[in-house]
């Protein structure tokens, strides 16, 4: 452990979705004709920020893993989820995924 710790500027933003339960995760697919489709790639999971990685896990399977420093992430305006884009270590492609949170009635 060093004297100076390198901190992430967006640590507060990462904390807002770290540990959140996910209802489902969609993958954005852009086609050659300019259309965009969204495919569901996972259901019933969790978002975890582990060390320097953002992981989205559905069931027991990682559907998206990317380094925090190499990714872009932003909350949806509705507050219902988060969009993360970056080099996915699971698929090997540059992916844009949206994870929608699970809400429980109180």
Protein backbone atom coordinates (compact mmCIF):
# COMPACT_ATOMS: atom_id res chain seq x y z
CA UNK A 1 0.00 0.00 0.00
CA UNK A 2 1.52 3.26 -1.13
CA UNK A 3 1.50 6.67 0.40
CA UNK A 4 -0.44 8.16 -2.50
CA UNK A 5 -3.54 6.34 -3.69
CA UNK A 6 -4.76 6.91 -7.22
CA UNK A 7 -8.47 7.65 -7.01
CA UNK A 8 -11.13 7.56 -9.66
CA UNK A 9 -12.85 10.89 -10.34
CA UNK A 10 -16.18 9.16 -10.81
CA UNK A 11 -16.09 7.13 -7.61
CA UNK A 12 -19.41 8.61 -6.44
CA UNK A 13 -21.10 7.68 -9.71
CA UNK A 14 -19.71 4.14 -9.52
CA UNK A 15 -21.11 3.77 -6.00
CA UNK A 16 -24.63 4.62 -7.21
CA UNK A 17 -24.89 1.45 -9.30
CA UNK A 18 -22.42 -0.84 -7.50
CA UNK A 19 -24.31 -3.74 -5.94
CA UNK A 20 -27.63 -2.92 -7.59
CA UNK A 21 -29.85 -5.81 -8.61
CA UNK A 22 -30.68 -6.05 -12.30
CA UNK A 23 -33.99 -7.06 -13.85
CA UNK A 24 -32.51 -7.56 -17.32
CA UNK A 25 -29.58 -6.49 -19.51
CA UNK A 26 -29.79 -5.48 -23.18
CA UNK A 27 -27.06 -5.35 -25.82
CA UNK A 28 -27.21 -2.60 -28.47
CA UNK A 29 -26.69 -3.85 -32.04
CA UNK A 30 -26.15 -1.32 -34.83
CA UNK A 31 -26.81 -2.67 -38.33
CA UNK A 32 -25.34 -1.64 -41.69
CA UNK A 33 -28.61 -0.01 -42.83
CA UNK A 34 -28.54 2.38 -39.85
CA UNK A 35 -31.12 0.62 -37.72
CA UNK A 36 -30.49 -0.30 -34.11
CA UNK A 37 -31.90 -3.28 -32.22
CA UNK A 38 -31.61 -4.28 -28.58
CA UNK A 39 -31.23 -7.94 -27.59
CA UNK A 40 -31.76 -9.20 -24.06
CA UNK A 41 -28.55 -10.96 -23.01
CA UNK A 42 -29.33 -11.63 -19.36
CA UNK A 43 -31.99 -11.54 -16.67
CA UNK A 44 -32.02 -11.45 -12.87
CA UNK A 45 -28.51 -10.36 -11.99
CA UNK A 46 -26.32 -7.80 -10.28
CA UNK A 47 -23.85 -5.03 -11.13
CA UNK A 48 -20.54 -5.15 -9.29
CA UNK A 49 -17.56 -2.82 -9.34
CA UNK A 50 -14.74 -5.15 -8.32
CA UNK A 51 -11.33 -3.51 -8.07
CA UNK A 52 -10.78 -1.84 -11.44
CA UNK A 53 -13.54 -3.77 -13.29
CA UNK A 54 -17.23 -3.24 -13.90
CA UNK A 55 -18.98 -6.61 -14.00
CA UNK A 56 -22.60 -7.35 -14.87
CA UNK A 57 -23.52 -10.85 -13.74
CA UNK A 58 -26.80 -12.62 -14.58
CA UNK A 59 -27.37 -15.90 -12.82
CA UNK A 60 -23.88 -17.31 -12.48
CA UNK A 61 -22.66 -15.99 -15.84
CA UNK A 62 -20.78 -12.77 -16.58
CA UNK A 63 -22.51 -11.01 -19.47
CA UNK A 64 -20.26 -7.91 -19.41
CA UNK A 65 -16.84 -7.18 -17.90
CA UNK A 66 -14.74 -4.10 -18.62
CA UNK A 67 -12.05 -2.03 -16.91
CA UNK A 68 -13.38 1.15 -15.32
CA UNK A 69 -10.64 3.25 -16.91
CA UNK A 70 -11.49 1.98 -20.42
CA UNK A 71 -15.27 2.29 -20.20
CA UNK A 72 -17.97 4.92 -20.46
CA UNK A 73 -20.91 4.68 -18.09
CA UNK A 74 -23.89 6.88 -17.50
CA UNK A 75 -27.19 6.65 -15.66
CA UNK A 76 -30.45 6.66 -17.59
CA UNK A 77 -32.41 9.90 -17.27
CA UNK A 78 -35.36 7.95 -15.90
CA UNK A 79 -33.16 6.56 -13.12
CA UNK A 80 -34.19 3.02 -14.05
CA UNK A 81 -30.73 1.77 -14.99
CA UNK A 82 -27.24 2.39 -16.29
CA UNK A 83 -25.60 2.16 -19.72
CA UNK A 84 -22.03 0.90 -19.88
CA UNK A 85 -19.90 0.75 -23.00
CA UNK A 86 -16.41 -0.55 -23.53
CA UNK A 87 -14.28 -3.50 -24.56
CA UNK A 88 -16.17 -6.51 -23.21
CA UNK A 89 -13.76 -9.15 -21.88
CA UNK A 90 -16.51 -11.78 -22.14
CA UNK A 91 -17.33 -11.38 -25.85
CA UNK A 92 -14.09 -9.72 -26.98
CA UNK A 93 -16.07 -6.96 -28.74
CA UNK A 94 -16.72 -3.30 -28.03
CA UNK A 95 -20.24 -3.54 -26.56
CA UNK A 96 -22.88 -1.12 -25.37
CA UNK A 97 -25.09 -2.68 -22.71
CA UNK A 98 -27.92 -1.26 -20.64
CA UNK A 99 -28.78 -2.78 -17.27
CA UNK A 100 -32.27 -2.07 -15.92
CA UNK A 101 -32.61 -2.09 -12.12
CA UNK A 102 -35.00 -4.27 -10.15
CA UNK A 103 -37.42 -2.31 -7.97
CA UNK A 104 -39.30 -3.65 -5.01
CA UNK A 105 -42.49 -2.13 -3.68
CA UNK A 106 -42.31 -0.94 -0.11
